[in-house]
Amino acid sequence: MAWLTRFLAAVAFLAIGVIFSPETFGSKSDGLNSPTLSTYLKLAHLLTFSTAFGAALWVTFIGGIIMFKNLPRHQFGNLQSKMFPAYFSMVGICCAVSVASFGYLHPWNSSSVAEKYQLGFLLSSLAFNLTNLFVFTPMTVEMMKQRHKVEREQNIGEEVGWSKNVQVAKVNPKLAAMNKKFGMIHGLSSLANIMAFGSLAMHSWYLASKLNL
């Protein structure tokens, strides 16, 4: 129940922010063009974008590297096979909400060139994440399971890092071929993840230019 407690606490703080916002005390609703609706859409965009950006930053450059350097390889791989579908699903949902809210706030026909580019960056991030979720991640997990089976037959996989796999692959053509195929699929997945993160990073510059601190 710890996750539920944390979720409810986050919702409570968000509700307090809404209650004490300027719109609560001063603005009136004018239907779809109301300042309140605009604020909610901006809030949805900001929260989902920041969640996606923060998650991508942590998983890509910090969390994954720490786990790889400290966990036995098979344990690390099994953990990643559970984490990545959840990670790409969450980031994909966040990107979808960001695209929808940004697109509503900046209709294509009346948008500036810069705003159209920003929508393109958000759509690119969404597309790369969905590609990872539905194409590369299932392929990577399946390939990983096959390779784990071969490695267990060779009594390797419980070490931290790659050393024993590389040594055994030199005299085991089957494992060498699996390493090559896994590396190709994993490389494409990593590239898609970097492209998604890069698209979010470019949008962060746009958001920074709009801040009034």
N, C-alpha and C. Protein backbone atom coordinates (compact mmCIF):
# COMPACT_ATOMS: atom_id res chain seq x y z
N MET A 1 0.82 -1.22 0.00
CA MET A 1 0.00 0.00 0.00
C MET A 1 0.86 1.27 0.00
N ALA A 2 2.19 1.11 0.07
CA ALA A 2 3.06 2.29 0.12
C ALA A 2 2.88 3.16 -1.11
N TRP A 3 2.75 2.53 -2.29
CA TRP A 3 2.61 3.31 -3.52
C TRP A 3 1.32 4.11 -3.52
N LEU A 4 0.23 3.54 -2.93
CA LEU A 4 -1.05 4.25 -2.86
C LEU A 4 -0.93 5.46 -1.96
N THR A 5 -0.22 5.32 -0.84
CA THR A 5 -0.02 6.44 0.08
C THR A 5 0.73 7.57 -0.61
N ARG A 6 1.78 7.22 -1.35
CA ARG A 6 2.55 8.24 -2.05
C ARG A 6 1.72 8.92 -3.14
N PHE A 7 0.91 8.12 -3.84
CA PHE A 7 0.07 8.68 -4.90
C PHE A 7 -0.94 9.65 -4.31
N LEU A 8 -1.59 9.26 -3.22
CA LEU A 8 -2.58 10.12 -2.59
C LEU A 8 -1.95 11.40 -2.05
N ALA A 9 -0.71 11.28 -1.54
CA ALA A 9 -0.01 12.48 -1.05
C ALA A 9 0.27 13.44 -2.20
N ALA A 10 0.70 12.89 -3.35
CA ALA A 10 0.97 13.74 -4.52
C ALA A 10 -0.31 14.42 -5.00
N VAL A 11 -1.41 13.66 -5.04
CA VAL A 11 -2.70 14.23 -5.46
C VAL A 11 -3.14 15.33 -4.50
N ALA A 12 -2.91 15.12 -3.20
CA ALA A 12 -3.29 16.11 -2.20
C ALA A 12 -2.53 17.41 -2.40
N PHE A 13 -1.22 17.32 -2.64
CA PHE A 13 -0.44 18.54 -2.87
C PHE A 13 -0.89 19.24 -4.16
N LEU A 14 -1.20 18.46 -5.19
CA LEU A 14 -1.70 19.05 -6.44
C LEU A 14 -3.02 19.77 -6.20
N ALA A 15 -3.89 19.17 -5.41
CA ALA A 15 -5.19 19.78 -5.12
C ALA A 15 -5.02 21.10 -4.36
N ILE A 16 -4.06 21.11 -3.43
CA ILE A 16 -3.79 22.34 -2.68
C ILE A 16 -3.30 23.44 -3.62
N GLY A 17 -2.44 23.05 -4.58
CA GLY A 17 -1.96 24.02 -5.56
C GLY A 17 -3.08 24.59 -6.39
N VAL A 18 -4.03 23.75 -6.77
CA VAL A 18 -5.18 24.22 -7.56
C VAL A 18 -6.05 25.16 -6.74
N ILE A 19 -6.27 24.80 -5.46
CA ILE A 19 -7.13 25.61 -4.60
C ILE A 19 -6.57 27.02 -4.42
N PHE A 20 -5.24 27.12 -4.29
CA PHE A 20 -4.63 28.42 -4.03
C PHE A 20 -4.08 29.09 -5.29
N SER A 21 -4.48 28.60 -6.46
CA SER A 21 -4.02 29.21 -7.70
C SER A 21 -4.78 30.52 -7.94
N PRO A 22 -4.20 31.45 -8.71
CA PRO A 22 -4.89 32.72 -9.01
C PRO A 22 -6.24 32.51 -9.69
N GLU A 23 -6.34 31.49 -10.56
CA GLU A 23 -7.59 31.27 -11.28
C GLU A 23 -8.74 30.92 -10.34
N THR A 24 -8.43 30.27 -9.25
CA THR A 24 -9.48 29.87 -8.31
C THR A 24 -10.15 31.09 -7.70
N PHE A 25 -9.37 32.15 -7.47
CA PHE A 25 -9.90 33.32 -6.78
C PHE A 25 -10.34 34.43 -7.72
N GLY A 26 -9.79 34.46 -8.95
CA GLY A 26 -10.07 35.63 -9.76
C GLY A 26 -10.70 35.40 -11.11
N SER A 27 -10.60 34.23 -11.68
CA SER A 27 -11.04 34.03 -13.06
C SER A 27 -12.42 33.40 -13.13
N LYS A 28 -13.12 33.73 -14.20
CA LYS A 28 -14.42 33.12 -14.45
C LYS A 28 -14.32 32.22 -15.66
N SER A 29 -15.17 31.21 -15.67
CA SER A 29 -15.14 30.25 -16.77
C SER A 29 -15.84 30.81 -17.99
N ASP A 30 -15.18 30.66 -19.15
CA ASP A 30 -15.79 31.06 -20.43
C ASP A 30 -15.81 29.87 -21.37
N GLY A 31 -16.19 28.72 -20.87
CA GLY A 31 -16.28 27.54 -21.70
C GLY A 31 -14.91 27.03 -22.09
N LEU A 32 -14.78 26.63 -23.37
CA LEU A 32 -13.54 26.03 -23.84
C LEU A 32 -12.39 27.03 -23.88
N ASN A 33 -12.70 28.35 -23.91
CA ASN A 33 -11.66 29.36 -23.97
C ASN A 33 -11.35 29.96 -22.60
N SER A 34 -11.80 29.35 -21.54
CA SER A 34 -11.62 29.90 -20.21
C SER A 34 -10.17 29.85 -19.78
N PRO A 35 -9.71 30.84 -19.00
CA PRO A 35 -8.35 30.81 -18.46
C PRO A 35 -8.11 29.57 -17.61
N THR A 36 -9.15 29.11 -16.92
CA THR A 36 -8.99 27.94 -16.05
C THR A 36 -8.67 26.70 -16.87
N LEU A 37 -9.38 26.49 -17.98
CA LEU A 37 -9.11 25.35 -18.84
C LEU A 37 -7.70 25.43 -19.41
N SER A 38 -7.31 26.62 -19.82
CA SER A 38 -5.97 26.81 -20.35
C SER A 38 -4.91 26.46 -19.31
N THR A 39 -5.15 26.87 -18.08
CA THR A 39 -4.19 26.57 -17.00
C THR A 39 -4.11 25.07 -16.75
N TYR A 40 -5.24 24.40 -16.75
CA TYR A 40 -5.25 22.94 -16.53
C TYR A 40 -4.49 22.22 -17.64
N LEU A 41 -4.68 22.68 -18.89
CA LEU A 41 -3.98 22.05 -20.00
C LEU A 41 -2.47 22.31 -19.91
N LYS A 42 -2.09 23.52 -19.52
CA LYS A 42 -0.67 23.83 -19.34
C LYS A 42 -0.08 23.00 -18.21
N LEU A 43 -0.85 22.83 -17.15
CA LEU A 43 -0.39 22.00 -16.03
C LEU A 43 -0.22 20.55 -16.47
N ALA A 44 -1.19 20.04 -17.22
CA ALA A 44 -1.09 18.66 -17.72
C ALA A 44 0.14 18.50 -18.60
N HIS A 45 0.38 19.48 -19.46
CA HIS A 45 1.55 19.42 -20.34
C HIS A 45 2.84 19.46 -19.55
N LEU A 46 2.91 20.37 -18.60
CA LEU A 46 4.14 20.53 -17.81
C LEU A 46 4.44 19.28 -16.98
N LEU A 47 3.41 18.74 -16.31
CA LEU A 47 3.62 17.57 -15.45
C LEU A 47 4.00 16.34 -16.26
N THR A 48 3.31 16.11 -17.36
CA THR A 48 3.61 14.91 -18.15
C THR A 48 4.94 15.04 -18.86
N PHE A 49 5.26 16.24 -19.35
CA PHE A 49 6.56 16.43 -19.99
C PHE A 49 7.69 16.23 -19.00
N SER A 50 7.58 16.85 -17.83
CA SER A 50 8.65 16.74 -16.83
C SER A 50 8.80 15.31 -16.33
N THR A 51 7.68 14.59 -16.22
CA THR A 51 7.75 13.19 -15.80
C THR A 51 8.48 12.36 -16.85
N ALA A 52 8.13 12.55 -18.11
CA ALA A 52 8.78 11.81 -19.19
C ALA A 52 10.27 12.15 -19.28
N PHE A 53 10.59 13.43 -19.20
CA PHE A 53 11.98 13.86 -19.30
C PHE A 53 12.81 13.32 -18.13
N GLY A 54 12.26 13.44 -16.92
CA GLY A 54 12.99 12.97 -15.73
C GLY A 54 13.18 11.46 -15.74
N ALA A 55 12.14 10.73 -16.13
CA ALA A 55 12.25 9.27 -16.19
C ALA A 55 13.28 8.84 -17.23
N ALA A 56 13.25 9.49 -18.40
CA ALA A 56 14.20 9.15 -19.46
C ALA A 56 15.63 9.47 -19.04
N LEU A 57 15.81 10.59 -18.38
CA LEU A 57 17.15 10.97 -17.91
C LEU A 57 17.69 9.95 -16.91
N TRP A 58 16.85 9.55 -15.96
CA TRP A 58 17.29 8.61 -14.93
C TRP A 58 17.58 7.23 -15.51
N VAL A 59 16.64 6.70 -16.27
CA VAL A 59 16.80 5.35 -16.80
C VAL A 59 17.97 5.27 -17.78
N THR A 60 18.12 6.27 -18.63
CA THR A 60 19.12 6.22 -19.69
C THR A 60 20.53 6.44 -19.18
N PHE A 61 20.71 7.38 -18.26
CA PHE A 61 22.05 7.80 -17.89
C PHE A 61 22.48 7.46 -16.47
N ILE A 62 21.53 7.05 -15.61
CA ILE A 62 21.90 6.82 -14.21
C ILE A 62 21.49 5.43 -13.73
N GLY A 63 20.18 5.18 -13.63
CA GLY A 63 19.69 3.95 -13.04
C GLY A 63 20.18 2.69 -13.73
N GLY A 64 20.07 2.66 -15.07
CA GLY A 64 20.47 1.47 -15.81
C GLY A 64 21.95 1.17 -15.66
N ILE A 65 22.79 2.21 -15.71
CA ILE A 65 24.23 2.02 -15.59
C ILE A 65 24.61 1.50 -14.21
N ILE A 66 23.99 2.06 -13.17
CA ILE A 66 24.28 1.61 -11.80
C ILE A 66 23.89 0.15 -11.62
N MET A 67 22.73 -0.24 -12.12
CA MET A 67 22.30 -1.63 -11.98
C MET A 67 23.21 -2.58 -12.75
N PHE A 68 23.62 -2.18 -13.97
CA PHE A 68 24.49 -3.04 -14.77
C PHE A 68 25.82 -3.28 -14.08
N LYS A 69 26.34 -2.26 -13.40
CA LYS A 69 27.65 -2.36 -12.77
C LYS A 69 27.61 -3.07 -11.42
N ASN A 70 26.41 -3.33 -10.89
CA ASN A 70 26.33 -3.88 -9.54
C ASN A 70 25.51 -5.16 -9.41
N LEU A 71 24.75 -5.54 -10.44
CA LEU A 71 23.93 -6.73 -10.38
C LEU A 71 24.51 -7.84 -11.25
N PRO A 72 24.34 -9.11 -10.84
CA PRO A 72 24.68 -10.21 -11.74
C PRO A 72 23.93 -10.04 -13.06
N ARG A 73 24.57 -10.39 -14.16
CA ARG A 73 24.00 -10.08 -15.48
C ARG A 73 22.61 -10.63 -15.69
N HIS A 74 22.38 -11.90 -15.32
CA HIS A 74 21.05 -12.47 -15.53
C HIS A 74 20.00 -11.78 -14.66
N GLN A 75 20.38 -11.45 -13.44
CA GLN A 75 19.46 -10.74 -12.57
C GLN A 75 19.17 -9.35 -13.13
N PHE A 76 20.19 -8.69 -13.63
CA PHE A 76 20.02 -7.38 -14.26
C PHE A 76 19.09 -7.48 -15.48
N GLY A 77 19.34 -8.48 -16.33
CA GLY A 77 18.52 -8.64 -17.52
C GLY A 77 17.06 -8.92 -17.21
N ASN A 78 16.82 -9.81 -16.23
CA ASN A 78 15.45 -10.12 -15.84
C ASN A 78 14.73 -8.90 -15.26
N LEU A 79 15.47 -8.12 -14.49
CA LEU A 79 14.88 -6.90 -13.93
C LEU A 79 14.53 -5.91 -15.04
N GLN A 80 15.45 -5.73 -15.98
CA GLN A 80 15.19 -4.81 -17.08
C GLN A 80 14.01 -5.26 -17.94
N SER A 81 13.84 -6.57 -18.09
CA SER A 81 12.73 -7.08 -18.91
C SER A 81 11.38 -6.74 -18.28
N LYS A 82 11.35 -6.52 -16.97
CA LYS A 82 10.11 -6.10 -16.29
C LYS A 82 9.98 -4.58 -16.26
N MET A 83 11.13 -3.90 -16.15
CA MET A 83 11.09 -2.45 -16.01
C MET A 83 10.81 -1.73 -17.32
N PHE A 84 11.42 -2.19 -18.42
CA PHE A 84 11.33 -1.43 -19.66
C PHE A 84 9.91 -1.34 -20.22
N PRO A 85 9.11 -2.40 -20.21
CA PRO A 85 7.73 -2.22 -20.67
C PRO A 85 6.97 -1.17 -19.85
N ALA A 86 7.19 -1.18 -18.53
CA ALA A 86 6.53 -0.18 -17.68
C ALA A 86 7.08 1.22 -17.97
N TYR A 87 8.38 1.31 -18.17
CA TYR A 87 9.03 2.60 -18.45
C TYR A 87 8.53 3.19 -19.77
N PHE A 88 8.55 2.39 -20.83
CA PHE A 88 8.12 2.90 -22.12
C PHE A 88 6.62 3.18 -22.15
N SER A 89 5.84 2.41 -21.40
CA SER A 89 4.40 2.68 -21.32
C SER A 89 4.14 4.01 -20.63
N MET A 90 4.82 4.24 -19.50
CA MET A 90 4.62 5.49 -18.76
C MET A 90 5.06 6.69 -19.58
N VAL A 91 6.25 6.62 -20.17
CA VAL A 91 6.74 7.74 -20.96
C VAL A 91 5.86 7.95 -22.20
N GLY A 92 5.39 6.86 -22.80
CA GLY A 92 4.50 6.98 -23.95
C GLY A 92 3.20 7.68 -23.60
N ILE A 93 2.62 7.32 -22.46
CA ILE A 93 1.38 7.97 -22.02
C ILE A 93 1.63 9.45 -21.75
N CYS A 94 2.74 9.75 -21.07
CA CYS A 94 3.08 11.15 -20.78
C CYS A 94 3.26 11.94 -22.07
N CYS A 95 3.95 11.35 -23.05
CA CYS A 95 4.15 12.04 -24.33
C CYS A 95 2.82 12.26 -25.05
N ALA A 96 1.92 11.28 -24.96
CA ALA A 96 0.62 11.41 -25.61
C ALA A 96 -0.18 12.56 -25.00
N VAL A 97 -0.15 12.68 -23.67
CA VAL A 97 -0.86 13.77 -23.00
C VAL A 97 -0.21 15.11 -23.36
N SER A 98 1.12 15.13 -23.41
CA SER A 98 1.83 16.36 -23.78
C SER A 98 1.47 16.79 -25.20
N VAL A 99 1.43 15.83 -26.11
CA VAL A 99 1.06 16.14 -27.50
C VAL A 99 -0.37 16.69 -27.56
N ALA A 100 -1.29 16.02 -26.86
CA ALA A 100 -2.70 16.44 -26.91
C ALA A 100 -2.89 17.83 -26.32
N SER A 101 -2.29 18.08 -25.16
CA SER A 101 -2.47 19.38 -24.51
C SER A 101 -1.78 20.50 -25.29
N PHE A 102 -0.57 20.23 -25.78
CA PHE A 102 0.14 21.25 -26.55
C PHE A 102 -0.58 21.53 -27.88
N GLY A 103 -1.06 20.47 -28.52
CA GLY A 103 -1.78 20.64 -29.77
C GLY A 103 -3.07 21.41 -29.59
N TYR A 104 -3.77 21.21 -28.46
CA TYR A 104 -5.01 21.94 -28.20
C TYR A 104 -4.72 23.41 -27.94
N LEU A 105 -3.65 23.67 -27.18
CA LEU A 105 -3.31 25.05 -26.85
C LEU A 105 -2.74 25.81 -28.05
N HIS A 106 -2.17 25.06 -29.01
CA HIS A 106 -1.57 25.69 -30.19
C HIS A 106 -2.11 25.03 -31.45
N PRO A 107 -3.33 25.39 -31.87
CA PRO A 107 -3.92 24.80 -33.09
C PRO A 107 -2.99 24.99 -34.28
N TRP A 108 -2.92 23.96 -35.11
CA TRP A 108 -1.96 23.95 -36.21
C TRP A 108 -2.10 25.15 -37.15
N ASN A 109 -3.34 25.52 -37.49
CA ASN A 109 -3.56 26.59 -38.47
C ASN A 109 -3.10 27.96 -37.97
N SER A 110 -3.12 28.15 -36.65
CA SER A 110 -2.75 29.46 -36.10
C SER A 110 -1.41 29.42 -35.37
N SER A 111 -0.71 28.30 -35.44
CA SER A 111 0.56 28.16 -34.72
C SER A 111 1.70 28.81 -35.49
N SER A 112 2.70 29.25 -34.74
CA SER A 112 3.91 29.77 -35.36
C SER A 112 4.77 28.60 -35.84
N VAL A 113 5.81 28.91 -36.61
CA VAL A 113 6.71 27.86 -37.09
C VAL A 113 7.38 27.16 -35.91
N ALA A 114 7.78 27.93 -34.90
CA ALA A 114 8.43 27.36 -33.73
C ALA A 114 7.50 26.38 -33.00
N GLU A 115 6.24 26.76 -32.87
CA GLU A 115 5.28 25.89 -32.18
C GLU A 115 5.02 24.61 -32.97
N LYS A 116 5.03 24.71 -34.29
CA LYS A 116 4.86 23.51 -35.11
C LYS A 116 6.05 22.57 -34.95
N TYR A 117 7.25 23.14 -34.87
CA TYR A 117 8.44 22.32 -34.63
C TYR A 117 8.34 21.62 -33.28
N GLN A 118 7.86 22.34 -32.26
CA GLN A 118 7.76 21.75 -30.92
C GLN A 118 6.76 20.59 -30.90
N LEU A 119 5.67 20.75 -31.60
CA LEU A 119 4.71 19.65 -31.70
C LEU A 119 5.35 18.46 -32.41
N GLY A 120 6.18 18.75 -33.40
CA GLY A 120 6.90 17.69 -34.09
C GLY A 120 7.86 16.96 -33.17
N PHE A 121 8.57 17.69 -32.31
CA PHE A 121 9.47 17.06 -31.36
C PHE A 121 8.71 16.14 -30.41
N LEU A 122 7.57 16.61 -29.92
CA LEU A 122 6.77 15.79 -29.00
C LEU A 122 6.23 14.55 -29.70
N LEU A 123 5.77 14.71 -30.93
CA LEU A 123 5.28 13.56 -31.69
C LEU A 123 6.41 12.56 -31.96
N SER A 124 7.61 13.08 -32.23
CA SER A 124 8.75 12.19 -32.46
C SER A 124 9.07 11.38 -31.22
N SER A 125 9.05 12.04 -30.08
CA SER A 125 9.32 11.32 -28.83
C SER A 125 8.28 10.24 -28.59
N LEU A 126 7.02 10.57 -28.84
CA LEU A 126 5.95 9.58 -28.69
C LEU A 126 6.16 8.40 -29.63
N ALA A 127 6.50 8.68 -30.90
CA ALA A 127 6.69 7.62 -31.88
C ALA A 127 7.86 6.72 -31.51
N PHE A 128 8.97 7.29 -31.08
CA PHE A 128 10.13 6.49 -30.70
C PHE A 128 9.83 5.61 -29.49
N ASN A 129 9.09 6.16 -28.52
CA ASN A 129 8.74 5.36 -27.35
C ASN A 129 7.79 4.22 -27.69
N LEU A 130 6.82 4.49 -28.54
CA LEU A 130 5.89 3.43 -28.94
C LEU A 130 6.60 2.35 -29.75
N THR A 131 7.57 2.76 -30.57
CA THR A 131 8.36 1.79 -31.32
C THR A 131 9.14 0.88 -30.37
N ASN A 132 9.70 1.48 -29.35
CA ASN A 132 10.41 0.68 -28.36
C ASN A 132 9.46 -0.25 -27.61
N LEU A 133 8.30 0.28 -27.24
CA LEU A 133 7.35 -0.51 -26.45
C LEU A 133 6.83 -1.71 -27.22
N PHE A 134 6.46 -1.51 -28.48
CA PHE A 134 5.77 -2.55 -29.23
C PHE A 134 6.65 -3.36 -30.18
N VAL A 135 7.85 -2.87 -30.47
CA VAL A 135 8.72 -3.56 -31.44
C VAL A 135 10.02 -4.03 -30.78
N PHE A 136 10.86 -3.09 -30.39
CA PHE A 136 12.21 -3.45 -29.95
C PHE A 136 12.25 -4.15 -28.59
N THR A 137 11.44 -3.70 -27.63
CA THR A 137 11.48 -4.32 -26.30
C THR A 137 11.06 -5.79 -26.33
N PRO A 138 9.94 -6.16 -26.98
CA PRO A 138 9.62 -7.60 -27.05
C PRO A 138 10.70 -8.42 -27.74
N MET A 139 11.31 -7.87 -28.79
CA MET A 139 12.38 -8.58 -29.48
C MET A 139 13.60 -8.74 -28.59
N THR A 140 13.94 -7.68 -27.87
CA THR A 140 15.10 -7.72 -26.99
C THR A 140 14.91 -8.72 -25.85
N VAL A 141 13.72 -8.71 -25.24
CA VAL A 141 13.45 -9.63 -24.13
C VAL A 141 13.49 -11.08 -24.60
N GLU A 142 12.91 -11.35 -25.74
CA GLU A 142 12.92 -12.72 -26.27
C GLU A 142 14.34 -13.17 -26.57
N MET A 143 15.13 -12.31 -27.18
CA MET A 143 16.51 -12.64 -27.48
C MET A 143 17.32 -12.84 -26.21
N MET A 144 17.05 -12.03 -25.21
CA MET A 144 17.74 -12.15 -23.92
C MET A 144 17.47 -13.50 -23.27
N LYS A 145 16.21 -13.94 -23.31
CA LYS A 145 15.85 -15.22 -22.70
C LYS A 145 16.57 -16.37 -23.39
N GLN A 146 16.65 -16.31 -24.71
CA GLN A 146 17.36 -17.35 -25.45
C GLN A 146 18.84 -17.36 -25.10
N ARG A 147 19.42 -16.20 -24.98
CA ARG A 147 20.84 -16.12 -24.65
C ARG A 147 21.11 -16.57 -23.22
N HIS A 148 20.21 -16.24 -22.30
CA HIS A 148 20.36 -16.69 -20.92
C HIS A 148 20.39 -18.22 -20.85
N LYS A 149 19.54 -18.85 -21.65
CA LYS A 149 19.50 -20.31 -21.66
C LYS A 149 20.84 -20.89 -22.10
N VAL A 150 21.43 -20.33 -23.15
CA VAL A 150 22.73 -20.80 -23.63
C VAL A 150 23.81 -20.53 -22.58
N GLU A 151 23.75 -19.38 -21.95
CA GLU A 151 24.75 -19.03 -20.95
C GLU A 151 24.68 -19.94 -19.73
N ARG A 152 23.45 -20.28 -19.32
CA ARG A 152 23.33 -21.19 -18.17
C ARG A 152 23.94 -22.55 -18.49
N GLU A 153 23.83 -22.97 -19.73
CA GLU A 153 24.46 -24.24 -20.13
C GLU A 153 25.99 -24.17 -20.03
N GLN A 154 26.52 -22.94 -20.13
CA GLN A 154 27.96 -22.73 -20.04
C GLN A 154 28.38 -22.29 -18.63
N ASN A 155 27.41 -22.31 -17.70
CA ASN A 155 27.67 -21.91 -16.31
C ASN A 155 28.19 -20.48 -16.18
N ILE A 156 27.63 -19.60 -16.96
CA ILE A 156 27.96 -18.18 -16.83
C ILE A 156 26.66 -17.39 -16.73
N GLY A 157 26.79 -16.13 -16.32
CA GLY A 157 25.63 -15.26 -16.22
C GLY A 157 25.41 -14.72 -14.82
N GLU A 158 26.10 -15.30 -13.83
CA GLU A 158 25.93 -14.83 -12.47
C GLU A 158 26.99 -13.80 -12.09
N GLU A 159 27.93 -13.55 -13.02
CA GLU A 159 28.96 -12.55 -12.76
C GLU A 159 28.42 -11.16 -13.07
N VAL A 160 29.10 -10.15 -12.56
CA VAL A 160 28.76 -8.77 -12.86
C VAL A 160 29.58 -8.32 -14.06
N GLY A 161 28.92 -7.76 -15.08
CA GLY A 161 29.65 -7.29 -16.25
C GLY A 161 29.67 -8.33 -17.36
N TRP A 162 30.53 -8.10 -18.37
CA TRP A 162 30.51 -8.90 -19.59
C TRP A 162 31.65 -9.89 -19.71
N SER A 163 32.63 -9.89 -18.81
CA SER A 163 33.89 -10.58 -19.02
C SER A 163 33.73 -12.05 -19.41
N LYS A 164 32.96 -12.84 -18.65
CA LYS A 164 32.86 -14.27 -18.93
C LYS A 164 32.11 -14.54 -20.23
N ASN A 165 31.11 -13.73 -20.54
CA ASN A 165 30.37 -13.92 -21.79
C ASN A 165 31.31 -13.74 -22.98
N VAL A 166 32.13 -12.72 -22.95
CA VAL A 166 33.04 -12.44 -24.06
C VAL A 166 34.05 -13.58 -24.23
N GLN A 167 34.55 -14.09 -23.11
CA GLN A 167 35.54 -15.17 -23.17
C GLN A 167 34.94 -16.43 -23.75
N VAL A 168 33.75 -16.81 -23.28
CA VAL A 168 33.11 -18.04 -23.75
C VAL A 168 32.69 -17.90 -25.21
N ALA A 169 32.24 -16.70 -25.62
CA ALA A 169 31.79 -16.48 -26.99
C ALA A 169 32.91 -16.69 -28.00
N LYS A 170 34.15 -16.53 -27.58
CA LYS A 170 35.28 -16.73 -28.49
C LYS A 170 35.41 -18.18 -28.94
N VAL A 171 34.92 -19.13 -28.12
CA VAL A 171 35.01 -20.55 -28.46
C VAL A 171 33.64 -21.18 -28.65
N ASN A 172 32.59 -20.36 -28.61
CA ASN A 172 31.22 -20.86 -28.75
C ASN A 172 30.52 -20.05 -29.85
N PRO A 173 30.51 -20.53 -31.09
CA PRO A 173 29.92 -19.79 -32.21
C PRO A 173 28.44 -19.45 -31.99
N LYS A 174 27.71 -20.35 -31.35
CA LYS A 174 26.28 -20.11 -31.12
C LYS A 174 26.09 -18.89 -30.22
N LEU A 175 26.85 -18.82 -29.15
CA LEU A 175 26.74 -17.68 -28.24
C LEU A 175 27.23 -16.41 -28.92
N ALA A 176 28.28 -16.51 -29.73
CA ALA A 176 28.78 -15.34 -30.45
C ALA A 176 27.73 -14.79 -31.40
N ALA A 177 27.02 -15.68 -32.10
CA ALA A 177 25.97 -15.24 -33.01
C ALA A 177 24.82 -14.59 -32.26
N MET A 178 24.47 -15.15 -31.11
CA MET A 178 23.39 -14.58 -30.30
C MET A 178 23.79 -13.21 -29.75
N ASN A 179 25.05 -13.10 -29.36
CA ASN A 179 25.55 -11.80 -28.88
C ASN A 179 25.42 -10.75 -29.97
N LYS A 180 25.76 -11.12 -31.19
CA LYS A 180 25.70 -10.18 -32.31
C LYS A 180 24.26 -9.75 -32.58
N LYS A 181 23.35 -10.70 -32.59
CA LYS A 181 21.95 -10.38 -32.86
C LYS A 181 21.35 -9.55 -31.72
N PHE A 182 21.66 -9.94 -30.48
CA PHE A 182 21.17 -9.18 -29.33
C PHE A 182 21.72 -7.76 -29.35
N GLY A 183 23.01 -7.62 -29.67
CA GLY A 183 23.61 -6.30 -29.72
C GLY A 183 22.96 -5.41 -30.75
N MET A 184 22.59 -5.98 -31.91
CA MET A 184 21.95 -5.19 -32.95
C MET A 184 20.57 -4.70 -32.50
N ILE A 185 19.77 -5.62 -31.94
CA ILE A 185 18.42 -5.25 -31.50
C ILE A 185 18.49 -4.26 -30.34
N HIS A 186 19.36 -4.55 -29.39
CA HIS A 186 19.50 -3.66 -28.23
C HIS A 186 20.02 -2.30 -28.66
N GLY A 187 20.90 -2.28 -29.66
CA GLY A 187 21.41 -1.02 -30.16
C GLY A 187 20.32 -0.17 -30.79
N LEU A 188 19.44 -0.79 -31.55
CA LEU A 188 18.32 -0.05 -32.14
C LEU A 188 17.38 0.49 -31.06
N SER A 189 17.15 -0.34 -30.04
CA SER A 189 16.31 0.10 -28.93
C SER A 189 16.94 1.28 -28.21
N SER A 190 18.24 1.20 -27.96
CA SER A 190 18.94 2.30 -27.29
C SER A 190 18.91 3.57 -28.13
N LEU A 191 19.08 3.41 -29.45
CA LEU A 191 19.04 4.57 -30.34
C LEU A 191 17.67 5.24 -30.31
N ALA A 192 16.62 4.43 -30.35
CA ALA A 192 15.26 4.99 -30.29
C ALA A 192 15.03 5.71 -28.97
N ASN A 193 15.56 5.14 -27.89
CA ASN A 193 15.41 5.77 -26.58
C ASN A 193 16.15 7.10 -26.53
N ILE A 194 17.37 7.15 -27.09
CA ILE A 194 18.14 8.39 -27.12
C ILE A 194 17.43 9.44 -27.98
N MET A 195 16.87 9.03 -29.11
CA MET A 195 16.16 9.96 -29.97
C MET A 195 14.93 10.53 -29.27
N ALA A 196 14.23 9.67 -28.52
CA ALA A 196 13.06 10.14 -27.77
C ALA A 196 13.49 11.15 -26.71
N PHE A 197 14.58 10.83 -26.00
CA PHE A 197 15.08 11.75 -24.97
C PHE A 197 15.55 13.06 -25.61
N GLY A 198 16.23 12.96 -26.75
CA GLY A 198 16.69 14.17 -27.43
C GLY A 198 15.55 15.07 -27.86
N SER A 199 14.47 14.47 -28.32
CA SER A 199 13.30 15.26 -28.72
C SER A 199 12.71 16.00 -27.53
N LEU A 200 12.66 15.31 -26.39
CA LEU A 200 12.17 15.97 -25.17
C LEU A 200 13.12 17.08 -24.73
N ALA A 201 14.42 16.83 -24.86
CA ALA A 201 15.40 17.84 -24.47
C ALA A 201 15.25 19.11 -25.31
N MET A 202 14.99 18.96 -26.60
CA MET A 202 14.80 20.13 -27.47
C MET A 202 13.55 20.90 -27.06
N HIS A 203 12.51 20.17 -26.65
CA HIS A 203 11.29 20.86 -26.21
C HIS A 203 11.53 21.58 -24.88
N SER A 204 12.43 21.07 -24.05
CA SER A 204 12.72 21.71 -22.77
C SER A 204 13.29 23.12 -22.98
N TRP A 205 14.07 23.30 -24.06
CA TRP A 205 14.62 24.63 -24.35
C TRP A 205 13.49 25.61 -24.69
N TYR A 206 12.50 25.12 -25.44
CA TYR A 206 11.35 25.96 -25.77
C TYR A 206 10.59 26.37 -24.51
N LEU A 207 10.37 25.40 -23.61
CA LEU A 207 9.64 25.71 -22.38
C LEU A 207 10.42 26.70 -21.53
N ALA A 208 11.74 26.55 -21.48
CA ALA A 208 12.55 27.47 -20.69
C ALA A 208 12.43 28.90 -21.22
N SER A 209 12.33 29.04 -22.53
CA SER A 209 12.22 30.37 -23.13
C SER A 209 10.89 31.04 -22.80
N LYS A 210 9.90 30.22 -22.40
CA LYS A 210 8.58 30.76 -22.09
C LYS A 210 8.39 31.07 -20.61
N LEU A 211 9.34 30.66 -19.78
CA LEU A 211 9.21 30.89 -18.34
C LEU A 211 9.36 32.37 -18.01
N ASN A 212 8.61 32.80 -17.05
CA ASN A 212 8.67 34.18 -16.58
C ASN A 212 8.97 34.16 -15.08
N LEU A 213 10.22 34.05 -14.72
CA LEU A 213 10.59 33.90 -13.30
C LEU A 213 10.89 35.24 -12.66
